[in-house]
Amino acid sequence: MKKNLIKVLKTVLTSAAALIIGFAAIAFPFRLFDNLSAEAMRYLFIGEMALYFTVGMVFLFIKGKRQEEKEKEKARRETKRIKFEQAQKDYYDFAA
């Protein structure tokens, strides 16, 4: 039960942080709209898109690494299972 509570709390905090950061990222350019020229706003927009792209690529990279590690672990376990079955077969053949 304690693990579930911690998991729910982490989810709520992550969601709240994402909402706050998302709101700030969207509201920030509108606040600057009155203070910056059109050219400066264009540069700000390009920078913001580059930042979103970079963060997205980092998440995709991390997800790919995790998937790769899972596949390696699965292959390692399969190899161990095959070796174990072969050892059992050899032992039973030797014992008989």
N, C-alpha and C. Protein backbone atom coordinates (compact mmCIF):
# COMPACT_ATOMS: atom_id res chain seq x y z
N MET A 1 0.82 -1.19 0.00
CA MET A 1 0.00 0.00 0.00
C MET A 1 0.87 1.25 0.00
N LYS A 2 1.97 1.21 0.72
CA LYS A 2 2.85 2.35 0.80
C LYS A 2 3.48 2.63 -0.57
N LYS A 3 3.83 1.56 -1.30
CA LYS A 3 4.41 1.72 -2.62
C LYS A 3 3.42 2.36 -3.57
N ASN A 4 2.15 1.96 -3.47
CA ASN A 4 1.11 2.54 -4.32
C ASN A 4 0.93 4.02 -4.03
N LEU A 5 0.96 4.39 -2.74
CA LEU A 5 0.82 5.78 -2.35
C LEU A 5 1.99 6.61 -2.90
N ILE A 6 3.18 6.08 -2.81
CA ILE A 6 4.36 6.78 -3.34
C ILE A 6 4.25 6.92 -4.85
N LYS A 7 3.79 5.87 -5.51
CA LYS A 7 3.65 5.91 -6.97
C LYS A 7 2.61 6.96 -7.38
N VAL A 8 1.49 7.01 -6.68
CA VAL A 8 0.45 7.99 -6.98
C VAL A 8 0.97 9.40 -6.72
N LEU A 9 1.69 9.59 -5.63
CA LEU A 9 2.24 10.90 -5.30
C LEU A 9 3.23 11.36 -6.36
N LYS A 10 4.09 10.45 -6.82
CA LYS A 10 5.04 10.80 -7.88
C LYS A 10 4.31 11.19 -9.16
N THR A 11 3.26 10.46 -9.48
CA THR A 11 2.49 10.75 -10.68
C THR A 11 1.83 12.12 -10.59
N VAL A 12 1.25 12.42 -9.44
CA VAL A 12 0.59 13.71 -9.26
C VAL A 12 1.61 14.84 -9.34
N LEU A 13 2.75 14.69 -8.69
CA LEU A 13 3.77 15.73 -8.72
C LEU A 13 4.34 15.92 -10.12
N THR A 14 4.55 14.84 -10.84
CA THR A 14 5.06 14.93 -12.20
C THR A 14 4.05 15.63 -13.10
N SER A 15 2.79 15.29 -12.96
CA SER A 15 1.74 15.93 -13.76
C SER A 15 1.62 17.41 -13.44
N ALA A 16 1.67 17.76 -12.17
CA ALA A 16 1.59 19.17 -11.78
C ALA A 16 2.78 19.94 -12.32
N ALA A 17 3.97 19.39 -12.23
CA ALA A 17 5.15 20.06 -12.75
C ALA A 17 5.05 20.24 -14.26
N ALA A 18 4.57 19.22 -14.96
CA ALA A 18 4.42 19.31 -16.41
C ALA A 18 3.42 20.39 -16.79
N LEU A 19 2.30 20.47 -16.06
CA LEU A 19 1.31 21.50 -16.34
C LEU A 19 1.86 22.90 -16.10
N ILE A 20 2.56 23.08 -15.00
CA ILE A 20 3.12 24.40 -14.68
C ILE A 20 4.17 24.81 -15.71
N ILE A 21 5.06 23.91 -16.04
CA ILE A 21 6.10 24.21 -17.02
C ILE A 21 5.49 24.46 -18.40
N GLY A 22 4.50 23.65 -18.77
CA GLY A 22 3.82 23.85 -20.05
C GLY A 22 3.12 25.19 -20.12
N PHE A 23 2.43 25.56 -19.05
CA PHE A 23 1.77 26.87 -19.02
C PHE A 23 2.77 28.00 -19.13
N ALA A 24 3.88 27.89 -18.39
CA ALA A 24 4.90 28.94 -18.43
C ALA A 24 5.53 29.03 -19.82
N ALA A 25 5.77 27.88 -20.44
CA ALA A 25 6.39 27.88 -21.77
C ALA A 25 5.48 28.51 -22.81
N ILE A 26 4.18 28.33 -22.65
CA ILE A 26 3.25 28.93 -23.60
C ILE A 26 2.97 30.39 -23.26
N ALA A 27 2.86 30.73 -21.99
CA ALA A 27 2.52 32.09 -21.57
C ALA A 27 3.70 33.05 -21.72
N PHE A 28 4.91 32.54 -21.61
CA PHE A 28 6.10 33.40 -21.66
C PHE A 28 6.18 34.23 -22.94
N PRO A 29 6.04 33.63 -24.13
CA PRO A 29 6.10 34.45 -25.35
C PRO A 29 4.98 35.49 -25.43
N PHE A 30 3.80 35.18 -24.92
CA PHE A 30 2.71 36.16 -24.96
C PHE A 30 2.99 37.34 -24.04
N ARG A 31 3.66 37.09 -22.94
CA ARG A 31 4.05 38.19 -22.04
C ARG A 31 5.09 39.09 -22.71
N LEU A 32 5.96 38.48 -23.49
CA LEU A 32 7.00 39.24 -24.16
C LEU A 32 6.52 39.91 -25.43
N PHE A 33 5.33 39.57 -25.90
CA PHE A 33 4.82 40.07 -27.17
C PHE A 33 4.80 41.60 -27.20
N ASP A 34 4.43 42.23 -26.08
CA ASP A 34 4.37 43.69 -26.03
C ASP A 34 5.75 44.32 -25.93
N ASN A 35 6.74 43.59 -25.43
CA ASN A 35 8.05 44.17 -25.17
C ASN A 35 9.07 43.91 -26.27
N LEU A 36 8.85 42.91 -27.11
CA LEU A 36 9.83 42.56 -28.13
C LEU A 36 9.34 42.91 -29.52
N SER A 37 10.31 43.11 -30.42
CA SER A 37 9.96 43.37 -31.81
C SER A 37 9.57 42.07 -32.50
N ALA A 38 9.09 42.17 -33.71
CA ALA A 38 8.68 40.99 -34.46
C ALA A 38 9.87 40.07 -34.72
N GLU A 39 11.01 40.66 -35.01
CA GLU A 39 12.22 39.85 -35.27
C GLU A 39 12.67 39.11 -34.01
N ALA A 40 12.63 39.79 -32.87
CA ALA A 40 13.01 39.15 -31.61
C ALA A 40 12.04 38.03 -31.25
N MET A 41 10.75 38.24 -31.52
CA MET A 41 9.77 37.19 -31.25
C MET A 41 10.02 35.98 -32.15
N ARG A 42 10.41 36.22 -33.39
CA ARG A 42 10.71 35.13 -34.31
C ARG A 42 11.89 34.31 -33.78
N TYR A 43 12.93 34.98 -33.32
CA TYR A 43 14.09 34.28 -32.76
C TYR A 43 13.71 33.50 -31.50
N LEU A 44 12.87 34.11 -30.69
CA LEU A 44 12.41 33.44 -29.47
C LEU A 44 11.61 32.18 -29.83
N PHE A 45 10.74 32.28 -30.83
CA PHE A 45 9.96 31.13 -31.26
C PHE A 45 10.86 30.02 -31.79
N ILE A 46 11.84 30.38 -32.60
CA ILE A 46 12.78 29.38 -33.14
C ILE A 46 13.56 28.72 -32.00
N GLY A 47 14.00 29.51 -31.05
CA GLY A 47 14.72 28.96 -29.89
C GLY A 47 13.85 28.03 -29.08
N GLU A 48 12.60 28.41 -28.91
CA GLU A 48 11.67 27.57 -28.14
C GLU A 48 11.42 26.25 -28.86
N MET A 49 11.24 26.29 -30.16
CA MET A 49 11.04 25.06 -30.93
C MET A 49 12.29 24.17 -30.87
N ALA A 50 13.47 24.79 -30.94
CA ALA A 50 14.71 24.02 -30.83
C ALA A 50 14.80 23.35 -29.46
N LEU A 51 14.39 24.05 -28.42
CA LEU A 51 14.41 23.49 -27.07
C LEU A 51 13.43 22.32 -26.96
N TYR A 52 12.22 22.48 -27.49
CA TYR A 52 11.24 21.38 -27.47
C TYR A 52 11.76 20.18 -28.23
N PHE A 53 12.36 20.42 -29.38
CA PHE A 53 12.91 19.34 -30.19
C PHE A 53 14.01 18.60 -29.43
N THR A 54 14.90 19.36 -28.80
CA THR A 54 16.01 18.76 -28.06
C THR A 54 15.50 17.91 -26.90
N VAL A 55 14.57 18.44 -26.14
CA VAL A 55 14.02 17.69 -25.01
C VAL A 55 13.33 16.42 -25.50
N GLY A 56 12.57 16.54 -26.58
CA GLY A 56 11.90 15.36 -27.15
C GLY A 56 12.89 14.31 -27.59
N MET A 57 13.97 14.72 -28.23
CA MET A 57 14.98 13.77 -28.69
C MET A 57 15.68 13.09 -27.51
N VAL A 58 15.91 13.84 -26.44
CA VAL A 58 16.53 13.24 -25.25
C VAL A 58 15.63 12.14 -24.68
N PHE A 59 14.32 12.42 -24.60
CA PHE A 59 13.39 11.40 -24.10
C PHE A 59 13.36 10.19 -25.01
N LEU A 60 13.35 10.41 -26.32
CA LEU A 60 13.36 9.29 -27.25
C LEU A 60 14.65 8.49 -27.15
N PHE A 61 15.78 9.18 -26.95
CA PHE A 61 17.07 8.50 -26.79
C PHE A 61 17.06 7.63 -25.55
N ILE A 62 16.55 8.17 -24.45
CA ILE A 62 16.50 7.41 -23.19
C ILE A 62 15.59 6.20 -23.35
N LYS A 63 14.44 6.40 -24.00
CA LYS A 63 13.51 5.29 -24.22
C LYS A 63 14.15 4.21 -25.09
N GLY A 64 14.89 4.62 -26.12
CA GLY A 64 15.57 3.66 -26.99
C GLY A 64 16.64 2.88 -26.23
N LYS A 65 17.38 3.56 -25.38
CA LYS A 65 18.40 2.89 -24.58
C LYS A 65 17.78 1.84 -23.65
N ARG A 66 16.67 2.22 -23.02
CA ARG A 66 16.00 1.27 -22.12
C ARG A 66 15.50 0.05 -22.90
N GLN A 67 14.94 0.29 -24.08
CA GLN A 67 14.46 -0.82 -24.90
C GLN A 67 15.62 -1.71 -25.31
N GLU A 68 16.74 -1.10 -25.66
CA GLU A 68 17.92 -1.86 -26.05
C GLU A 68 18.44 -2.71 -24.89
N GLU A 69 18.45 -2.14 -23.69
CA GLU A 69 18.89 -2.89 -22.51
C GLU A 69 17.95 -4.06 -22.22
N LYS A 70 16.64 -3.84 -22.39
CA LYS A 70 15.69 -4.93 -22.18
C LYS A 70 15.92 -6.05 -23.18
N GLU A 71 16.19 -5.70 -24.43
CA GLU A 71 16.43 -6.73 -25.45
C GLU A 71 17.72 -7.50 -25.15
N LYS A 72 18.76 -6.80 -24.69
CA LYS A 72 20.01 -7.47 -24.32
C LYS A 72 19.78 -8.43 -23.17
N GLU A 73 19.02 -7.98 -22.17
CA GLU A 73 18.73 -8.83 -21.01
C GLU A 73 17.92 -10.05 -21.43
N LYS A 74 16.96 -9.84 -22.31
CA LYS A 74 16.15 -10.96 -22.80
C LYS A 74 17.01 -11.96 -23.55
N ALA A 75 17.93 -11.47 -24.39
CA ALA A 75 18.82 -12.36 -25.13
C ALA A 75 19.76 -13.11 -24.18
N ARG A 76 20.25 -12.43 -23.16
CA ARG A 76 21.13 -13.06 -22.18
C ARG A 76 20.39 -14.17 -21.42
N ARG A 77 19.16 -13.89 -21.03
CA ARG A 77 18.37 -14.91 -20.32
C ARG A 77 18.07 -16.11 -21.22
N GLU A 78 17.79 -15.85 -22.49
CA GLU A 78 17.52 -16.93 -23.42
C GLU A 78 18.76 -17.80 -23.60
N THR A 79 19.93 -17.16 -23.70
CA THR A 79 21.18 -17.91 -23.82
C THR A 79 21.42 -18.76 -22.59
N LYS A 80 21.19 -18.19 -21.41
CA LYS A 80 21.36 -18.95 -20.17
C LYS A 80 20.39 -20.12 -20.10
N ARG A 81 19.15 -19.90 -20.53
CA ARG A 81 18.15 -20.97 -20.51
C ARG A 81 18.57 -22.11 -21.44
N ILE A 82 19.06 -21.75 -22.61
CA ILE A 82 19.50 -22.78 -23.56
C ILE A 82 20.68 -23.56 -23.00
N LYS A 83 21.63 -22.86 -22.40
CA LYS A 83 22.79 -23.54 -21.81
C LYS A 83 22.36 -24.45 -20.67
N PHE A 84 21.41 -24.00 -19.85
CA PHE A 84 20.93 -24.80 -18.73
C PHE A 84 20.23 -26.06 -19.24
N GLU A 85 19.38 -25.90 -20.25
CA GLU A 85 18.70 -27.06 -20.81
C GLU A 85 19.69 -28.05 -21.42
N GLN A 86 20.72 -27.52 -22.09
CA GLN A 86 21.74 -28.38 -22.69
C GLN A 86 22.52 -29.12 -21.60
N ALA A 87 22.84 -28.42 -20.51
CA ALA A 87 23.56 -29.05 -19.41
C ALA A 87 22.71 -30.15 -18.77
N GLN A 88 21.41 -29.90 -18.60
CA GLN A 88 20.54 -30.93 -18.04
C GLN A 88 20.48 -32.14 -18.97
N LYS A 89 20.35 -31.88 -20.25
CA LYS A 89 20.27 -32.97 -21.22
C LYS A 89 21.56 -33.79 -21.21
N ASP A 90 22.70 -33.10 -21.19
CA ASP A 90 23.98 -33.80 -21.16
C ASP A 90 24.14 -34.62 -19.88
N TYR A 91 23.70 -34.05 -18.75
CA TYR A 91 23.81 -34.75 -17.47
C TYR A 91 22.94 -36.01 -17.48
N TYR A 92 21.70 -35.87 -17.95
CA TYR A 92 20.82 -37.03 -17.97
C TYR A 92 21.32 -38.10 -18.94
N ASP A 93 21.90 -37.68 -20.08
CA ASP A 93 22.48 -38.64 -21.02
C ASP A 93 23.68 -39.35 -20.40
N PHE A 94 24.49 -38.59 -19.66
CA PHE A 94 25.66 -39.15 -19.01
C PHE A 94 25.27 -40.11 -17.89
N ALA A 95 24.21 -39.74 -17.12
CA ALA A 95 23.76 -40.55 -15.99
C ALA A 95 23.09 -41.84 -16.45
N ALA A 96 22.50 -41.81 -17.61
CA ALA A 96 21.78 -43.00 -18.08
C ALA A 96 22.74 -43.95 -18.67
